Amino acid sequence: MVIKFFEKLSDNYLELLADKEDFNIVINVGQLPNTKIFQAHSAILRYRSLYFRNELANVSKNKNNIKTLDLKNISIQQFEIIIRYIYGGVVLLEDYNSSFIYGLMLIAYELLFDELAKNLETHLIEAEAHWLLKYPYKIFESEDFVSLQENALVSIISRDDLQMEEVKIWNYIIKWGIFQTLGLPSDPEDWTRENFITLKTTLRNCLPHIRYFQISGDEIIDERCRFSR
């Protein structure tokens, strides 16, 4: 029999975050004039985050045995959520709009918090679908698009009200599939029949959702030529 007390454990670690004693990490967040200093503990950061483990390994301690990190590309609001996730495994999104959550998802991917990033991704797709319909390119043109979970991608492209040209969707699907398929030559001109079959296998759950009747032959040729360049 296993009894788990995660809620109390989470509360205790959040109390540790608020405790101003025994910290050995200082994190400067944001850019002037909007900056804030966060205090943290190396043991927590290293074991909860590969990103922070790598960063801390390259930073020297000062005379007080404190290491300092700078995160200028993250807003204070975003990091407040991230640090509470690190310590307590808690994320509250009720007071934030879809655009903020999307930005938080990108930061989570950048900091290698895949669990958090994928949950935010799912939340945007399932609970904030109205936002996605208005701004689909926010997802498809993101640097992290190729890392999107397959079920999340299928959930997006299977919608009938996605405001994007079908040929564009098709092109993004191919881009995603190439990234997900190991061993493909970088130049499509060098692909063998087996390479195409492998890519088709990767995309087997996505391709049925493409509305080919909405794509003209000329559009396919144009996209294929652009993709091959």
Protein backbone atom coordinates (compact mmCIF):
# COMPACT_ATOMS: atom_id res chain seq x y z
CA MET A 1 0.00 0.00 0.00
CA VAL A 2 1.31 3.44 -0.94
CA ILE A 3 -0.01 6.61 0.68
CA LYS A 4 0.97 9.86 -1.05
CA PHE A 5 0.92 13.29 0.55
CA PHE A 6 1.88 15.46 -2.40
CA GLU A 7 -0.28 18.44 -1.45
CA LYS A 8 1.46 18.93 1.90
CA LEU A 9 4.83 18.35 0.27
CA SER A 10 4.03 21.00 -2.33
CA ASP A 11 3.00 23.47 0.38
CA ASN A 12 6.24 22.88 2.30
CA TYR A 13 8.41 23.50 -0.75
CA LEU A 14 6.50 26.68 -1.58
CA GLU A 15 7.16 27.80 2.00
CA LEU A 16 10.83 27.09 1.38
CA LEU A 17 10.69 29.32 -1.70
CA ALA A 18 9.30 32.15 0.43
CA ASP A 19 11.92 31.62 3.15
CA LYS A 20 14.74 34.18 2.85
CA GLU A 21 17.24 32.01 4.72
CA ASP A 22 19.66 29.41 3.33
CA PHE A 23 19.24 30.37 -0.34
CA ASN A 24 22.36 30.18 -2.51
CA ILE A 25 21.05 31.28 -5.91
CA VAL A 26 20.04 34.74 -7.07
CA ILE A 27 18.09 35.05 -10.32
CA ASN A 28 17.72 38.44 -11.99
CA VAL A 29 14.57 38.38 -14.12
CA GLY A 30 13.42 40.87 -16.74
CA GLN A 31 14.95 43.97 -18.24
CA LEU A 32 15.24 47.48 -16.86
CA PRO A 33 13.16 49.14 -15.61
CA ASN A 34 11.02 46.02 -15.03
CA THR A 35 13.28 43.67 -13.10
CA LYS A 36 12.96 41.52 -10.02
CA ILE A 37 15.40 39.45 -7.97
CA PHE A 38 14.37 35.89 -7.05
CA GLN A 39 16.16 33.81 -4.43
CA ALA A 40 16.36 30.05 -4.85
CA HIS A 41 18.21 26.91 -3.84
CA SER A 42 20.67 25.12 -6.12
CA ALA A 43 19.60 21.64 -5.01
CA ILE A 44 15.99 22.31 -6.01
CA LEU A 45 16.87 23.93 -9.33
CA ARG A 46 19.39 21.27 -10.35
CA TYR A 47 17.13 18.32 -9.66
CA ARG A 48 13.98 19.88 -11.08
CA SER A 49 15.49 21.38 -14.21
CA LEU A 50 18.12 20.22 -16.70
CA TYR A 51 18.30 23.79 -17.97
CA PHE A 52 19.26 25.19 -14.56
CA ARG A 53 21.59 22.28 -13.88
CA ASN A 54 23.54 23.16 -17.02
CA GLU A 55 23.49 26.90 -16.34
CA LEU A 56 24.62 26.58 -12.72
CA ALA A 57 27.51 24.34 -13.75
CA ASN A 58 28.95 27.27 -15.71
CA VAL A 59 28.55 29.95 -13.02
CA SER A 60 31.06 30.65 -10.23
CA LYS A 61 30.14 31.47 -6.65
CA ASN A 62 30.85 34.88 -5.18
CA LYS A 63 32.57 35.43 -1.83
CA ASN A 64 29.28 34.64 -0.06
CA ASN A 65 28.90 31.32 -1.92
CA ILE A 66 26.05 32.74 -3.99
CA LYS A 67 25.62 32.05 -7.71
CA THR A 68 23.81 34.61 -9.88
CA LEU A 69 21.81 33.91 -13.04
CA ASP A 70 20.29 36.43 -15.46
CA LEU A 71 17.04 35.70 -17.31
CA LYS A 72 16.42 38.84 -19.32
CA ASN A 73 14.09 37.31 -21.91
CA ILE A 74 11.50 36.22 -19.34
CA SER A 75 8.94 38.53 -17.79
CA ILE A 76 8.48 38.72 -14.04
CA GLN A 77 4.96 37.31 -14.31
CA GLN A 78 6.16 34.38 -16.38
CA PHE A 79 8.97 33.51 -14.00
CA GLU A 80 6.73 33.78 -10.95
CA ILE A 81 4.69 30.97 -12.46
CA ILE A 82 7.77 28.98 -13.48
CA ILE A 83 9.42 29.17 -10.04
CA ARG A 84 6.21 28.09 -8.29
CA TYR A 85 6.01 25.18 -10.69
CA ILE A 86 9.62 24.22 -9.90
CA TYR A 87 9.09 24.27 -6.14
CA GLY A 88 5.47 23.23 -5.73
CA GLY A 89 4.36 21.67 -8.98
CA VAL A 90 1.52 24.19 -9.01
CA VAL A 91 0.40 26.35 -11.96
CA LEU A 92 -2.58 28.72 -11.73
CA LEU A 93 -3.83 30.09 -15.05
CA GLU A 94 -7.22 31.58 -14.21
CA ASP A 95 -6.04 35.20 -14.31
CA TYR A 96 -4.11 34.99 -17.59
CA ASN A 97 -5.27 35.31 -21.18
CA SER A 98 -4.47 32.96 -24.04
CA SER A 99 -1.67 35.08 -25.45
CA PHE A 100 0.12 35.09 -22.08
CA ILE A 101 -0.31 31.33 -21.70
CA TYR A 102 1.09 30.81 -25.20
CA GLY A 103 4.16 32.88 -24.34
CA LEU A 104 4.54 30.92 -21.10
CA MET A 105 4.44 27.68 -23.09
CA LEU A 106 7.33 28.88 -25.28
CA ILE A 107 9.34 29.84 -22.19
CA ALA A 108 8.64 26.42 -20.67
CA TYR A 109 10.01 24.74 -23.80
CA GLU A 110 13.07 27.03 -23.74
CA LEU A 111 13.77 26.11 -20.11
CA LEU A 112 13.31 22.40 -20.95
CA PHE A 113 10.20 21.96 -18.81
CA ASP A 114 8.53 19.59 -21.26
CA GLU A 115 5.89 18.45 -18.78
CA LEU A 116 4.71 22.01 -18.18
CA ALA A 117 5.02 23.03 -21.83
CA LYS A 118 2.98 20.09 -23.08
CA ASN A 119 0.26 20.66 -20.50
CA LEU A 120 0.02 24.33 -21.48
CA GLU A 121 -0.10 23.25 -25.11
CA THR A 122 -2.98 20.90 -24.38
CA HIS A 123 -4.77 23.61 -22.41
CA LEU A 124 -4.53 26.05 -25.32
CA ILE A 125 -5.89 23.49 -27.76
CA GLU A 126 -8.70 22.15 -25.59
CA ALA A 127 -9.75 25.10 -23.43
CA GLU A 128 -8.69 28.09 -25.52
CA ALA A 129 -9.76 26.88 -28.96
CA HIS A 130 -11.37 30.23 -29.81
CA TRP A 131 -7.97 31.91 -29.51
CA LEU A 132 -6.30 29.27 -31.64
CA LEU A 133 -8.85 29.78 -34.41
CA LYS A 134 -8.02 33.50 -34.56
CA TYR A 135 -4.27 33.09 -34.38
CA PRO A 136 -3.35 29.65 -35.83
CA TYR A 137 -0.02 30.92 -37.16
CA LYS A 138 1.09 31.52 -33.56
CA ILE A 139 1.31 27.74 -33.25
CA PHE A 140 2.42 26.75 -36.73
CA GLU A 141 5.15 29.38 -37.07
CA SER A 142 6.55 28.85 -33.60
CA GLU A 143 10.10 27.49 -33.34
CA ASP A 144 8.68 24.76 -31.12
CA PHE A 145 6.02 23.68 -33.63
CA VAL A 146 8.06 20.67 -34.78
CA SER A 147 8.15 19.45 -31.15
CA LEU A 148 4.36 19.51 -30.85
CA GLN A 149 2.83 16.30 -29.53
CA GLU A 150 1.15 14.24 -32.22
CA ASN A 151 -2.21 14.13 -30.43
CA ALA A 152 -2.13 17.91 -30.04
CA LEU A 153 -1.32 18.39 -33.72
CA VAL A 154 -4.11 16.04 -34.78
CA SER A 155 -6.51 17.91 -32.50
CA ILE A 156 -5.64 21.16 -34.28
CA ILE A 157 -5.71 20.05 -37.90
CA SER A 158 -8.90 18.02 -37.50
CA ARG A 159 -10.91 21.16 -36.76
CA ASP A 160 -13.24 22.35 -39.50
CA ASP A 161 -13.08 25.98 -38.37
CA LEU A 162 -9.32 26.51 -38.39
CA GLN A 163 -8.73 29.78 -40.23
CA MET A 164 -5.83 28.76 -42.45
CA GLU A 165 -5.45 27.68 -46.07
CA GLU A 166 -5.40 23.91 -46.40
CA VAL A 167 -2.25 23.92 -48.51
CA LYS A 168 -0.46 25.77 -45.70
CA ILE A 169 -1.64 23.22 -43.17
CA TRP A 170 -0.42 20.45 -45.45
CA ASN A 171 2.99 22.09 -45.75
CA TYR A 172 3.34 22.49 -41.98
CA ILE A 173 2.38 18.85 -41.48
CA ILE A 174 5.16 17.77 -43.82
CA LYS A 175 7.62 20.01 -41.95
CA TRP A 176 6.55 18.45 -38.63
CA GLY A 177 6.84 14.94 -40.05
CA ILE A 178 10.35 15.51 -41.38
CA PHE A 179 11.54 16.68 -37.98
CA GLN A 180 9.93 13.67 -36.31
CA THR A 181 11.48 11.19 -38.76
CA LEU A 182 15.06 10.18 -38.02
CA GLY A 183 17.51 9.43 -40.82
CA LEU A 184 16.01 11.51 -43.62
CA PRO A 185 18.59 13.19 -45.91
CA SER A 186 18.59 16.97 -45.49
CA ASP A 187 17.92 17.46 -49.21
CA PRO A 188 14.55 16.01 -50.33
CA GLU A 189 16.07 15.47 -53.78
CA ASP A 190 18.19 12.73 -52.20
CA TRP A 191 15.26 10.86 -50.67
CA THR A 192 14.72 7.26 -51.65
CA ARG A 193 11.39 5.50 -51.96
CA GLU A 194 12.01 4.04 -48.52
CA ASN A 195 12.48 7.55 -47.08
CA PHE A 196 9.08 8.61 -48.42
CA ILE A 197 7.47 5.47 -46.99
CA THR A 198 9.06 6.17 -43.61
CA LEU A 199 7.77 9.76 -43.65
CA LYS A 200 4.32 8.51 -44.62
CA THR A 201 4.39 6.15 -41.64
CA THR A 202 5.32 9.05 -39.34
CA LEU A 203 2.35 11.03 -40.65
CA ARG A 204 -0.14 8.16 -40.72
CA ASN A 205 -2.37 9.78 -38.06
CA CYS A 206 -2.14 13.28 -39.55
CA LEU A 207 -2.60 12.80 -43.30
CA PRO A 208 -6.23 11.59 -43.07
CA HIS A 209 -7.20 15.00 -41.68
CA ILE A 210 -5.87 16.97 -44.65
CA ARG A 211 -8.72 18.18 -46.90
CA TYR A 212 -7.05 17.47 -50.24
CA PHE A 213 -10.13 18.55 -52.18
CA GLN A 214 -9.40 22.11 -51.00
CA ILE A 215 -5.89 22.08 -52.50
CA SER A 216 -5.40 22.69 -56.20
CA GLY A 217 -2.77 20.90 -58.26
CA ASP A 218 -0.95 24.19 -58.87
CA GLU A 219 -0.78 24.90 -55.14
CA ILE A 220 0.75 21.50 -54.45
CA ILE A 221 3.38 22.07 -57.15
CA ASP A 222 4.18 25.56 -55.83
CA GLU A 223 4.54 24.35 -52.25
CA ARG A 224 6.60 21.36 -53.35
CA CYS A 225 8.99 23.60 -55.29
CA ARG A 226 9.31 26.04 -52.36
CA PHE A 227 9.89 23.18 -49.94
CA SER A 228 12.62 21.67 -52.17
CA ARG A 229 14.65 24.87 -52.40
